[in-house]
Amino acid sequence: MSLALLGLTAIMVLTSLSVLSNMIKEKLGSLRDPLQVWEVLHAVDILPMRLRAWIFSAIVGFANPYARTINFRITELRKGKACGAMKETKEISNPYRCVHAAALITFGETVGSLALFTLLGKSDRAILTNISAEYVKVSRGLLTASSIVTPIKDREATEVVTHVLIKNASFETVSKLTLTWKVDLKDTF
């Protein structure tokens, strides 16, 4: 590759990243709507899909610093649905060489909250009041979490319960989480 072509490619990449950075900064003010940030990232076709997932997960980590303690990727986000992946590492393992319960809960809470937040309006609020975790099987290797939340039909609701399933690479359920949220629904649909 010639030096001129390499320079031109570098300029194109830097320009694209600058445009992407400005788009993300513009949308970060509305991180209450994670779906909007997800869609902005996925509208940039020059970025590989894995990089888009990494960038979105980093943004989630900025919004929720505790989520940065685990190495996760959000792999899918739609209205009422979120999925993610987390690989077992030494940092999140317990002395028994499996994923620590706190890492599983952090992973599940992150995925579950994204699924719920996609259904909330800009003025709506939700705060987690209870987490219940059932550990079904020892968790090792690559783990996936998914949460599907049905639309909130009762705008007078003050509590919403959501569920997260965490599975291993063999698609066996390793943990089930139940998240209870106190909600303040102000937006009208």
Protein backbone atom coordinates (compact mmCIF):
# COMPACT_ATOMS: atom_id res chain seq x y z
CA MET A 1 0.00 0.00 0.00
CA SER A 2 1.43 3.36 -0.97
CA LEU A 3 2.05 6.04 1.60
CA ALA A 4 -0.47 8.41 -0.06
CA LEU A 5 -3.20 5.76 0.00
CA LEU A 6 -2.41 4.96 3.62
CA GLY A 7 -2.64 8.66 4.52
CA LEU A 8 -5.95 9.03 2.69
CA THR A 9 -7.35 5.97 4.48
CA ALA A 10 -6.23 7.38 7.85
CA ILE A 11 -7.92 10.71 7.11
CA MET A 12 -11.15 8.94 6.10
CA VAL A 13 -11.14 6.85 9.27
CA LEU A 14 -10.44 9.86 11.50
CA THR A 15 -13.16 11.89 9.80
CA SER A 16 -15.64 9.03 10.20
CA LEU A 17 -14.73 8.60 13.86
CA SER A 18 -15.13 12.34 14.41
CA VAL A 19 -18.61 12.28 12.85
CA LEU A 20 -19.51 9.22 14.92
CA SER A 21 -18.15 10.86 18.07
CA ASN A 22 -20.27 13.96 17.48
CA MET A 23 -23.37 11.85 16.83
CA ILE A 24 -22.81 9.89 20.04
CA LYS A 25 -22.18 13.05 22.09
CA GLU A 26 -25.39 14.49 20.71
CA LYS A 27 -27.32 11.37 21.73
CA LEU A 28 -25.62 10.85 25.11
CA GLY A 29 -27.90 13.45 26.59
CA SER A 30 -30.71 11.00 25.87
CA LEU A 31 -29.05 7.91 27.34
CA ARG A 32 -32.34 7.45 29.13
CA ASP A 33 -33.29 6.06 25.73
CA PRO A 34 -30.56 3.48 25.10
CA LEU A 35 -32.32 2.30 21.97
CA GLN A 36 -31.71 5.67 20.35
CA VAL A 37 -27.94 5.44 21.02
CA TRP A 38 -27.95 1.82 19.77
CA GLU A 39 -29.67 2.82 16.53
CA VAL A 40 -27.28 5.74 15.94
CA LEU A 41 -24.30 3.41 16.32
CA HIS A 42 -25.81 0.81 14.03
CA ALA A 43 -26.54 3.41 11.36
CA VAL A 44 -22.79 3.88 10.87
CA ASP A 45 -22.05 1.18 8.32
CA ILE A 46 -18.29 1.74 8.20
CA LEU A 47 -17.85 0.29 11.69
CA PRO A 48 -17.68 -3.48 12.05
CA MET A 49 -20.55 -4.96 14.08
CA ARG A 50 -18.21 -6.08 16.90
CA LEU A 51 -16.83 -2.55 17.25
CA ARG A 52 -20.36 -1.12 17.43
CA ALA A 53 -21.20 -3.55 20.27
CA TRP A 54 -17.96 -2.63 22.06
CA ILE A 55 -18.65 1.11 21.74
CA PHE A 56 -22.23 0.74 22.97
CA SER A 57 -21.10 -1.39 25.93
CA ALA A 58 -18.48 1.25 26.77
CA ILE A 59 -21.20 3.92 26.72
CA VAL A 60 -23.31 1.78 29.06
CA GLY A 61 -20.22 1.52 31.28
CA PHE A 62 -19.94 5.31 31.41
CA ALA A 63 -23.59 5.59 32.39
CA ASN A 64 -23.26 2.79 34.95
CA PRO A 65 -19.64 2.71 36.19
CA TYR A 66 -20.15 -0.45 38.23
CA ALA A 67 -20.98 -2.33 35.01
CA ARG A 68 -17.40 -1.63 33.89
CA THR A 69 -16.18 -4.14 36.49
CA ILE A 70 -17.30 -6.97 34.21
CA ASN A 71 -16.32 -7.45 30.59
CA PHE A 72 -19.63 -7.68 28.73
CA ARG A 73 -21.03 -6.85 25.31
CA ILE A 74 -24.59 -5.94 24.48
CA THR A 75 -25.39 -7.96 21.38
CA GLU A 76 -29.01 -7.04 20.73
CA LEU A 77 -31.29 -4.22 21.76
CA ARG A 78 -34.89 -3.71 20.66
CA LYS A 79 -38.03 -2.30 22.25
CA GLY A 80 -38.48 -4.42 25.37
CA LYS A 81 -35.60 -6.79 24.62
CA ALA A 82 -31.91 -6.84 25.44
CA CYS A 83 -29.27 -9.54 25.03
CA GLY A 84 -25.63 -9.59 26.00
CA ALA A 85 -22.57 -11.80 26.25
CA MET A 86 -19.93 -12.08 28.95
CA LYS A 87 -16.85 -14.26 28.93
CA GLU A 88 -15.49 -15.82 32.09
CA THR A 89 -12.20 -14.20 33.03
CA LYS A 90 -9.89 -14.43 36.01
CA GLU A 91 -11.12 -11.01 37.22
CA ILE A 92 -14.74 -12.14 37.59
CA SER A 93 -14.08 -15.68 38.80
CA ASN A 94 -14.40 -16.91 42.34
CA PRO A 95 -11.95 -19.30 44.06
CA TYR A 96 -13.90 -22.27 42.63
CA ARG A 97 -13.03 -21.31 39.04
CA CYS A 98 -16.48 -20.22 37.96
CA VAL A 99 -18.10 -16.83 37.48
CA HIS A 100 -18.66 -15.03 40.76
CA ALA A 101 -22.29 -14.48 41.80
CA ALA A 102 -21.78 -10.71 41.98
CA ALA A 103 -20.56 -10.66 38.36
CA LEU A 104 -23.61 -12.67 37.28
CA ILE A 105 -25.93 -10.26 39.06
CA THR A 106 -24.18 -7.22 37.58
CA PHE A 107 -24.40 -8.75 34.11
CA GLY A 108 -28.07 -9.68 34.53
CA GLU A 109 -29.00 -6.31 36.04
CA THR A 110 -27.31 -4.47 33.15
CA VAL A 111 -29.13 -6.48 30.49
CA GLY A 112 -32.45 -6.35 32.37
CA SER A 113 -32.27 -2.60 32.91
CA LEU A 114 -31.57 -1.96 29.22
CA ALA A 115 -34.62 -4.03 28.26
CA LEU A 116 -36.82 -2.02 30.63
CA PHE A 117 -35.34 1.38 29.73
CA THR A 118 -36.19 0.86 26.05
CA LEU A 119 -39.86 1.01 27.08
CA LEU A 120 -39.64 4.16 29.19
CA GLY A 121 -40.27 7.71 28.00
CA LYS A 122 -37.84 10.57 28.57
CA SER A 123 -39.65 11.74 31.71
CA ASP A 124 -40.23 8.24 33.13
CA ARG A 125 -38.04 6.97 35.94
CA ALA A 126 -37.21 3.49 37.21
CA ILE A 127 -35.09 2.46 40.16
CA LEU A 128 -34.18 -1.08 41.06
CA THR A 129 -35.56 -2.02 44.48
CA ASN A 130 -34.96 -5.77 44.61
CA ILE A 131 -32.93 -8.47 42.87
CA SER A 132 -33.65 -12.13 43.36
CA ALA A 133 -31.19 -14.60 41.86
CA GLU A 134 -31.54 -18.33 41.45
CA TYR A 135 -28.31 -20.15 40.66
CA VAL A 136 -29.22 -23.24 38.65
CA LYS A 137 -25.83 -24.46 37.45
CA VAL A 138 -22.15 -23.60 37.82
CA SER A 139 -21.37 -20.79 35.40
CA ARG A 140 -18.25 -21.14 33.29
CA GLY A 141 -17.05 -19.97 29.90
CA LEU A 142 -19.08 -17.76 27.59
CA LEU A 143 -22.37 -16.65 29.10
CA THR A 144 -25.34 -14.98 27.44
CA ALA A 145 -28.10 -13.04 29.13
CA SER A 146 -31.48 -12.09 27.73
CA SER A 147 -34.44 -10.15 29.02
CA ILE A 148 -37.79 -9.57 27.38
CA VAL A 149 -40.09 -7.04 29.00
CA THR A 150 -43.70 -6.67 27.92
CA PRO A 151 -44.87 -3.12 27.23
CA ILE A 152 -46.20 -1.34 30.30
CA LYS A 153 -49.90 -0.93 29.59
CA ASP A 154 -50.94 0.40 32.99
CA ARG A 155 -49.55 3.94 33.14
CA GLU A 156 -50.59 4.07 36.80
CA ALA A 157 -48.19 1.23 37.70
CA THR A 158 -45.68 1.95 40.44
CA GLU A 159 -43.87 -1.39 40.31
CA VAL A 160 -42.61 -3.47 37.39
CA VAL A 161 -41.08 -6.94 37.65
CA THR A 162 -38.70 -8.13 34.93
CA HIS A 163 -36.77 -11.35 34.40
CA VAL A 164 -33.32 -12.19 33.02
CA LEU A 165 -32.07 -15.62 31.95
CA ILE A 166 -28.34 -16.29 31.88
CA LYS A 167 -27.19 -19.31 29.87
CA ASN A 168 -23.87 -20.98 29.15
CA ALA A 169 -22.38 -21.91 25.77
CA SER A 170 -24.38 -25.18 25.80
CA PHE A 171 -27.60 -23.15 26.15
CA GLU A 172 -28.16 -24.46 29.68
CA THR A 173 -29.66 -21.99 32.13
CA VAL A 174 -27.11 -21.13 34.80
CA SER A 175 -29.00 -18.34 36.54
CA LYS A 176 -32.45 -16.73 36.65
CA LEU A 177 -32.83 -13.19 37.93
CA THR A 178 -35.99 -11.40 38.94
CA LEU A 179 -35.67 -7.61 39.05
CA THR A 180 -38.25 -5.47 40.82
CA TRP A 181 -38.39 -1.82 39.78
CA LYS A 182 -40.11 1.16 41.35
CA VAL A 183 -41.35 3.18 38.39
CA ASP A 184 -42.64 6.70 38.01
CA LEU A 185 -44.37 6.80 34.63
CA LYS A 186 -44.93 10.40 33.55
CA ASP A 187 -44.89 10.23 29.76
CA THR A 188 -48.11 9.41 27.95
CA PHE A 189 -48.12 7.26 24.85
